Structures are given as structure tokens and as C-alpha cells.
Amino acid sequence: TDKNTVTNEFVVPEEKVLVKAVKKWEDNNNEYG
């Protein structure tokens, strides 16, 4: 902020994660429709 002051500001990084959601069926290939 000036030549005699250093400040550390808390900042949350804007990193992202990938969350893969998967749907599975156990219905004998939709046997009953």
C-alpha cells in the first residue's frame, strides 16, 4: 500500500473441479418399458 506497508489479503482462488455425474440402469435394457 505504500513503501513501508505490505498487506496479505485473503483471496479464494477461482479454481474449478469437474464433478462427473453418471446415471446407470439395472432394468435389463428397459425390458418393461
All heavy atoms as atom14 arrays in JSON, in Angstrom:
{
  "sequence": "TDKNTVTNEFVVPEEKVLVKAVKKWEDNNNEYG",
  "atom14_mask": [
    [1, 1, 1, 1, 1, 1, 1, 0, 0, 0, 0, 0, 0, 0],
    [1, 1, 1, 1, 1, 1, 1, 1, 0, 0, 0, 0, 0, 0],
    [1, 1, 1, 1, 1, 1, 1, 1, 1, 0, 0, 0, 0, 0],
    [1, 1, 1, 1, 1, 1, 1, 1, 0, 0, 0, 0, 0, 0],
    [1, 1, 1, 1, 1, 1, 1, 0, 0, 0, 0, 0, 0, 0],
    [1, 1, 1, 1, 1, 1, 1, 0, 0, 0, 0, 0, 0, 0],
    [1, 1, 1, 1, 1, 1, 1, 0, 0, 0, 0, 0, 0, 0],
    [1, 1, 1, 1, 1, 1, 1, 1, 0, 0, 0, 0, 0, 0],
    [1, 1, 1, 1, 1, 1, 1, 1, 1, 0, 0, 0, 0, 0],
    [1, 1, 1, 1, 1, 1, 1, 1, 1, 1, 1, 0, 0, 0],
    [1, 1, 1, 1, 1, 1, 1, 0, 0, 0, 0, 0, 0, 0],
    [1, 1, 1, 1, 1, 1, 1, 0, 0, 0, 0, 0, 0, 0],
    [1, 1, 1, 1, 1, 1, 1, 0, 0, 0, 0, 0, 0, 0],
    [1, 1, 1, 1, 1, 1, 1, 1, 1, 0, 0, 0, 0, 0],
    [1, 1, 1, 1, 1, 1, 1, 1, 1, 0, 0, 0, 0, 0],
    [1, 1, 1, 1, 1, 1, 1, 1, 1, 0, 0, 0, 0, 0],
    [1, 1, 1, 1, 1, 1, 1, 0, 0, 0, 0, 0, 0, 0],
    [1, 1, 1, 1, 1, 1, 1, 1, 0, 0, 0, 0, 0, 0],
    [1, 1, 1, 1, 1, 1, 1, 0, 0, 0, 0, 0, 0, 0],
    [1, 1, 1, 1, 1, 1, 1, 1, 1, 0, 0, 0, 0, 0],
    [1, 1, 1, 1, 1, 0, 0, 0, 0, 0, 0, 0, 0, 0],
    [1, 1, 1, 1, 1, 1, 1, 0, 0, 0, 0, 0, 0, 0],
    [1, 1, 1, 1, 1, 1, 1, 1, 1, 0, 0, 0, 0, 0],
    [1, 1, 1, 1, 1, 1, 1, 1, 1, 0, 0, 0, 0, 0],
    [1, 1, 1, 1, 1, 1, 1, 1, 1, 1, 1, 1, 1, 1],
    [1, 1, 1, 1, 1, 1, 1, 1, 1, 0, 0, 0, 0, 0],
    [1, 1, 1, 1, 1, 1, 1, 1, 0, 0, 0, 0, 0, 0],
    [1, 1, 1, 1, 1, 1, 1, 1, 0, 0, 0, 0, 0, 0],
    [1, 1, 1, 1, 1, 1, 1, 1, 0, 0, 0, 0, 0, 0],
    [1, 1, 1, 1, 1, 1, 1, 1, 0, 0, 0, 0, 0, 0],
    [1, 1, 1, 1, 1, 1, 1, 1, 1, 0, 0, 0, 0, 0],
    [1, 1, 1, 1, 1, 1, 1, 1, 1, 1, 1, 1, 0, 0],
    [1, 1, 1, 1, 0, 0, 0, 0, 0, 0, 0, 0, 0, 0]
  ],
  "atom14_positions": [
    [[0.81, -1.22, 0.0], [0.0, 0.0, 0.0], [0.85, 1.27, 0.0], [0.42, 2.3, -0.48], [-0.96, 0.01, 1.21], [-0.21, -0.22, 2.39], [-2.02, -1.05, 1.05], [0.0, 0.0, 0.0], [0.0, 0.0, 0.0], [0.0, 0.0, 0.0], [0.0, 0.0, 0.0], [0.0, 0.0, 0.0], [0.0, 0.0, 0.0], [0.0, 0.0, 0.0]],
    [[2.01, 1.21, 0.59], [2.98, 2.3, 0.5], [4.35, 1.66, 0.67], [4.45, 0.45, 0.85], [2.7, 3.43, 1.52], [2.81, 2.97, 2.96], [3.78, 2.25, 3.28], [1.94, 3.35, 3.77], [0.0, 0.0, 0.0], [0.0, 0.0, 0.0], [0.0, 0.0, 0.0], [0.0, 0.0, 0.0], [0.0, 0.0, 0.0], [0.0, 0.0, 0.0]],
    [[5.42, 2.43, 0.66], [6.76, 1.84, 0.67], [7.13, 1.16, 1.98], [8.11, 0.46, 2.06], [7.82, 2.87, 0.28], [7.93, 4.04, 1.21], [8.95, 5.0, 0.67], [9.04, 6.24, 1.54], [9.98, 7.19, 1.03], [0.0, 0.0, 0.0], [0.0, 0.0, 0.0], [0.0, 0.0, 0.0], [0.0, 0.0, 0.0], [0.0, 0.0, 0.0]],
    [[6.3, 1.32, 3.01], [6.6, 0.71, 4.3], [5.54, -0.31, 4.77], [5.6, -0.78, 5.89], [6.74, 1.79, 5.38], [7.95, 2.67, 5.13], [9.0, 2.18, 4.74], [7.78, 3.96, 5.33], [0.0, 0.0, 0.0], [0.0, 0.0, 0.0], [0.0, 0.0, 0.0], [0.0, 0.0, 0.0], [0.0, 0.0, 0.0], [0.0, 0.0, 0.0]],
    [[4.55, -0.6, 3.93], [3.47, -1.49, 4.36], [3.2, -2.58, 3.32], [2.93, -2.27, 2.16], [2.16, -0.7, 4.6], [2.43, 0.39, 5.48], [1.08, -1.58, 5.19], [0.0, 0.0, 0.0], [0.0, 0.0, 0.0], [0.0, 0.0, 0.0], [0.0, 0.0, 0.0], [0.0, 0.0, 0.0], [0.0, 0.0, 0.0], [0.0, 0.0, 0.0]],
    [[3.24, -3.83, 3.79], [2.85, -4.96, 2.95], [1.66, -5.63, 3.64], [1.71, -5.94, 4.83], [3.99, -5.99, 2.8], [3.51, -7.21, 2.03], [5.19, -5.36, 2.1], [0.0, 0.0, 0.0], [0.0, 0.0, 0.0], [0.0, 0.0, 0.0], [0.0, 0.0, 0.0], [0.0, 0.0, 0.0], [0.0, 0.0, 0.0], [0.0, 0.0, 0.0]],
    [[0.59, -5.81, 2.9], [-0.61, -6.44, 3.44], [-0.88, -7.73, 2.67], [-0.75, -7.77, 1.45], [-1.83, -5.49, 3.29], [-1.51, -4.24, 3.89], [-3.06, -6.09, 3.93], [0.0, 0.0, 0.0], [0.0, 0.0, 0.0], [0.0, 0.0, 0.0], [0.0, 0.0, 0.0], [0.0, 0.0, 0.0], [0.0, 0.0, 0.0], [0.0, 0.0, 0.0]],
    [[-1.24, -8.76, 3.42], [-1.66, -10.01, 2.78], [-3.17, -10.09, 2.86], [-3.74, -10.14, 3.95], [-1.03, -11.22, 3.47], [0.45, -11.29, 3.2], [0.88, -11.14, 2.07], [1.23, -11.53, 4.23], [0.0, 0.0, 0.0], [0.0, 0.0, 0.0], [0.0, 0.0, 0.0], [0.0, 0.0, 0.0], [0.0, 0.0, 0.0], [0.0, 0.0, 0.0]],
    [[-3.81, -10.1, 1.7], [-5.26, -10.2, 1.64], [-5.64, -11.65, 1.36], [-5.07, -12.29, 0.48], [-5.82, -9.3, 0.54], [-5.7, -7.84, 0.81], [-6.3, -6.99, -0.31], [-6.87, -7.56, -1.27], [-6.19, -5.76, -0.22], [0.0, 0.0, 0.0], [0.0, 0.0, 0.0], [0.0, 0.0, 0.0], [0.0, 0.0, 0.0], [0.0, 0.0, 0.0]],
    [[-6.63, -12.13, 2.12], [-7.13, -13.49, 1.9], [-7.99, -13.49, 0.64], [-8.94, -12.73, 0.51], [-7.95, -13.95, 3.1], [-8.51, -15.33, 2.94], [-7.69, -16.44, 3.08], [-9.85, -15.53, 2.65], [-8.2, -17.72, 2.94], [-10.36, -16.79, 2.5], [-9.54, -17.9, 2.64], [0.0, 0.0, 0.0], [0.0, 0.0, 0.0], [0.0, 0.0, 0.0]],
    [[-7.61, -14.33, -0.3], [-8.34, -14.44, -1.56], [-8.52, -15.91, -1.89], [-7.54, -16.67, -1.9], [-7.56, -13.75, -2.71], [-8.29, -13.89, -4.03], [-7.31, -12.29, -2.4], [0.0, 0.0, 0.0], [0.0, 0.0, 0.0], [0.0, 0.0, 0.0], [0.0, 0.0, 0.0], [0.0, 0.0, 0.0], [0.0, 0.0, 0.0], [0.0, 0.0, 0.0]],
    [[-9.76, -16.3, -2.15], [-10.02, -17.69, -2.53], [-9.75, -17.83, -4.03], [-10.31, -17.08, -4.83], [-11.49, -18.08, -2.22], [-11.78, -19.5, -2.69], [-11.77, -17.93, -0.74], [0.0, 0.0, 0.0], [0.0, 0.0, 0.0], [0.0, 0.0, 0.0], [0.0, 0.0, 0.0], [0.0, 0.0, 0.0], [0.0, 0.0, 0.0], [0.0, 0.0, 0.0]],
    [[-8.89, -18.78, -4.39], [-8.62, -18.97, -5.82], [-9.87, -19.41, -6.56], [-10.74, -20.08, -6.0], [-7.58, -20.09, -5.85], [-7.11, -20.28, -4.46], [-8.14, -19.7, -3.56], [0.0, 0.0, 0.0], [0.0, 0.0, 0.0], [0.0, 0.0, 0.0], [0.0, 0.0, 0.0], [0.0, 0.0, 0.0], [0.0, 0.0, 0.0], [0.0, 0.0, 0.0]],
    [[-9.97, -19.03, -7.79], [-11.14, -19.38, -8.58], [-10.94, -20.7, -9.32], [-11.46, -20.87, -10.41], [-11.46, -18.24, -9.55], [-11.91, -16.98, -8.81], [-12.42, -15.91, -9.75], [-12.88, -16.23, -10.85], [-12.36, -14.74, -9.35], [0.0, 0.0, 0.0], [0.0, 0.0, 0.0], [0.0, 0.0, 0.0], [0.0, 0.0, 0.0], [0.0, 0.0, 0.0]],
    [[-10.22, -21.62, -8.69], [-10.02, -22.94, -9.3], [-11.34, -23.68, -9.38], [-12.21, -23.51, -8.53], [-9.04, -23.78, -8.47], [-7.61, -23.29, -8.52], [-6.7, -24.16, -7.68], [-6.77, -25.39, -7.8], [-5.92, -23.59, -6.89], [0.0, 0.0, 0.0], [0.0, 0.0, 0.0], [0.0, 0.0, 0.0], [0.0, 0.0, 0.0], [0.0, 0.0, 0.0]],
    [[-11.46, -24.5, -10.4], [-12.68, -25.29, -10.61], [-12.33, -26.77, -10.56], [-11.2, -27.17, -10.81], [-13.32, -24.98, -11.97], [-13.67, -23.53, -12.18], [-14.88, -23.14, -11.41], [-15.28, -21.7, -11.71], [-16.38, -21.25, -10.93], [0.0, 0.0, 0.0], [0.0, 0.0, 0.0], [0.0, 0.0, 0.0], [0.0, 0.0, 0.0], [0.0, 0.0, 0.0]],
    [[-13.33, -27.58, -10.22], [-13.2, -29.03, -10.29], [-14.3, -29.55, -11.19], [-15.34, -28.91, -11.36], [-13.31, -29.72, -8.9], [-12.15, -29.37, -8.01], [-14.62, -29.39, -8.23], [0.0, 0.0, 0.0], [0.0, 0.0, 0.0], [0.0, 0.0, 0.0], [0.0, 0.0, 0.0], [0.0, 0.0, 0.0], [0.0, 0.0, 0.0], [0.0, 0.0, 0.0]],
    [[-14.06, -30.7, -11.78], [-15.08, -31.33, -12.61], [-15.71, -32.46, -11.81], [-15.0, -33.33, -11.28], [-14.45, -31.88, -13.9], [-13.86, -30.82, -14.83], [-13.2, -31.48, -16.04], [-14.93, -29.85, -15.28], [0.0, 0.0, 0.0], [0.0, 0.0, 0.0], [0.0, 0.0, 0.0], [0.0, 0.0, 0.0], [0.0, 0.0, 0.0], [0.0, 0.0, 0.0]],
    [[-17.01, -32.41, -11.69], [-17.77, -33.45, -10.98], [-18.62, -34.15, -12.04], [-19.57, -33.56, -12.56], [-18.66, -32.85, -9.88], [-19.5, -33.94, -9.22], [-17.83, -32.1, -8.86], [0.0, 0.0, 0.0], [0.0, 0.0, 0.0], [0.0, 0.0, 0.0], [0.0, 0.0, 0.0], [0.0, 0.0, 0.0], [0.0, 0.0, 0.0], [0.0, 0.0, 0.0]],
    [[-18.23, -35.37, -12.36], [-18.97, -36.12, -13.38], [-20.04, -36.96, -12.69], [-19.75, -37.82, -11.88], [-18.05, -37.02, -14.2], [-18.79, -37.7, -15.33], [-17.88, -38.43, -16.27], [-18.68, -39.0, -17.43], [-17.84, -39.65, -18.4], [0.0, 0.0, 0.0], [0.0, 0.0, 0.0], [0.0, 0.0, 0.0], [0.0, 0.0, 0.0], [0.0, 0.0, 0.0]],
    [[-21.3, -36.67, -13.04], [-22.44, -37.42, -12.51], [-22.89, -38.4, -13.58], [-23.04, -38.03, -14.74], [-23.57, -36.46, -12.15], [0.0, 0.0, 0.0], [0.0, 0.0, 0.0], [0.0, 0.0, 0.0], [0.0, 0.0, 0.0], [0.0, 0.0, 0.0], [0.0, 0.0, 0.0], [0.0, 0.0, 0.0], [0.0, 0.0, 0.0], [0.0, 0.0, 0.0]],
    [[-23.1, -39.64, -13.17], [-23.45, -40.7, -14.13], [-24.73, -41.39, -13.66], [-24.9, -41.68, -12.48], [-22.31, -41.73, -14.25], [-22.69, -42.87, -15.18], [-21.03, -41.06, -14.72], [0.0, 0.0, 0.0], [0.0, 0.0, 0.0], [0.0, 0.0, 0.0], [0.0, 0.0, 0.0], [0.0, 0.0, 0.0], [0.0, 0.0, 0.0], [0.0, 0.0, 0.0]],
    [[-25.61, -41.69, -14.61], [-26.84, -42.42, -14.35], [-26.72, -43.8, -14.97], [-26.37, -43.94, -16.13], [-28.01, -41.67, -15.01], [-29.31, -42.38, -14.88], [-29.73, -42.32, -13.48], [-31.08, -42.94, -13.32], [-31.45, -42.96, -11.92], [0.0, 0.0, 0.0], [0.0, 0.0, 0.0], [0.0, 0.0, 0.0], [0.0, 0.0, 0.0], [0.0, 0.0, 0.0]],
    [[-26.97, -44.85, -14.16], [-26.93, -46.22, -14.67], [-28.27, -46.88, -14.4], [-28.93, -46.57, -13.41], [-25.8, -47.02, -14.02], [-24.43, -46.61, -14.49], [-23.39, -47.59, -14.06], [-22.03, -47.16, -14.64], [-20.99, -48.08, -14.26], [0.0, 0.0, 0.0], [0.0, 0.0, 0.0], [0.0, 0.0, 0.0], [0.0, 0.0, 0.0], [0.0, 0.0, 0.0]],
    [[-28.62, -47.8, -15.28], [-29.89, -48.51, -15.18], [-29.65, -50.0, -15.01], [-28.85, -50.59, -15.74], [-30.72, -48.29, -16.43], [-31.05, -46.85, -16.67], [-30.36, -45.98, -17.46], [-32.11, -46.11, -16.09], [-30.94, -44.74, -17.41], [-32.03, -44.8, -16.58], [-33.14, -46.44, -15.21], [-32.93, -43.81, -16.22], [-34.04, -45.45, -14.87], [-33.94, -44.15, -15.36]],
    [[-30.37, -50.59, -14.08], [-30.38, -52.04, -13.93], [-31.83, -52.48, -14.16], [-32.61, -52.64, -13.22], [-29.88, -52.45, -12.54], [-28.39, -52.22, -12.36], [-27.85, -52.7, -11.02], [-28.61, -53.32, -10.24], [-26.68, -52.42, -10.75], [0.0, 0.0, 0.0], [0.0, 0.0, 0.0], [0.0, 0.0, 0.0], [0.0, 0.0, 0.0], [0.0, 0.0, 0.0]],
    [[-32.16, -52.58, -15.46], [-33.54, -52.91, -15.83], [-33.61, -53.78, -17.08], [-34.59, -53.75, -17.82], [-34.36, -51.64, -16.02], [-33.83, -50.74, -17.13], [-32.81, -51.07, -17.77], [-34.45, -49.68, -17.38], [0.0, 0.0, 0.0], [0.0, 0.0, 0.0], [0.0, 0.0, 0.0], [0.0, 0.0, 0.0], [0.0, 0.0, 0.0], [0.0, 0.0, 0.0]],
    [[-32.54, -54.57, -17.28], [-32.49, -55.49, -18.42], [-32.81, -54.75, -19.72], [-33.68, -55.17, -20.49], [-33.42, -56.68, -18.19], [-33.03, -57.86, -19.06], [-31.91, -57.95, -19.54], [-33.97, -58.77, -19.25], [0.0, 0.0, 0.0], [0.0, 0.0, 0.0], [0.0, 0.0, 0.0], [0.0, 0.0, 0.0], [0.0, 0.0, 0.0], [0.0, 0.0, 0.0]],
    [[-32.08, -53.65, -19.94], [-32.23, -52.83, -21.15], [-33.68, -52.36, -21.35], [-34.24, -52.47, -22.42], [-31.71, -53.58, -22.38], [-31.37, -52.63, -23.5], [-31.09, -51.46, -23.28], [-31.41, -53.12, -24.72], [0.0, 0.0, 0.0], [0.0, 0.0, 0.0], [0.0, 0.0, 0.0], [0.0, 0.0, 0.0], [0.0, 0.0, 0.0], [0.0, 0.0, 0.0]],
    [[-34.27, -51.86, -20.26], [-35.63, -51.32, -20.27], [-36.67, -52.37, -20.69], [-37.59, -52.11, -21.46], [-35.72, -50.08, -21.17], [-36.92, -49.23, -20.86], [-37.53, -49.34, -19.8], [-37.28, -48.38, -21.79], [0.0, 0.0, 0.0], [0.0, 0.0, 0.0], [0.0, 0.0, 0.0], [0.0, 0.0, 0.0], [0.0, 0.0, 0.0], [0.0, 0.0, 0.0]],
    [[-36.5, -53.57, -20.16], [-37.34, -54.73, -20.51], [-38.84, -54.44, -20.43], [-39.61, -54.87, -21.29], [-36.99, -55.89, -19.58], [-37.85, -57.11, -19.75], [-37.47, -58.23, -18.79], [-36.82, -57.97, -17.76], [-37.83, -59.37, -19.09], [0.0, 0.0, 0.0], [0.0, 0.0, 0.0], [0.0, 0.0, 0.0], [0.0, 0.0, 0.0], [0.0, 0.0, 0.0]],
    [[-39.28, -53.71, -19.42], [-40.71, -53.47, -19.24], [-41.16, -52.1, -19.77], [-42.32, -51.74, -19.62], [-41.08, -53.6, -17.76], [-40.77, -54.96, -17.2], [-39.89, -55.11, -16.13], [-41.33, -56.11, -17.74], [-39.59, -56.35, -15.62], [-41.04, -57.36, -17.24], [-40.17, -57.48, -16.17], [-39.88, -58.72, -15.67], [0.0, 0.0, 0.0], [0.0, 0.0, 0.0]],
    [[-40.24, -51.34, -20.36], [-40.61, -50.05, -20.93], [-40.97, -49.0, -19.9], [-41.74, -48.09, -20.19], [0.0, 0.0, 0.0], [0.0, 0.0, 0.0], [0.0, 0.0, 0.0], [0.0, 0.0, 0.0], [0.0, 0.0, 0.0], [0.0, 0.0, 0.0], [0.0, 0.0, 0.0], [0.0, 0.0, 0.0], [0.0, 0.0, 0.0], [0.0, 0.0, 0.0]]
  ]
}
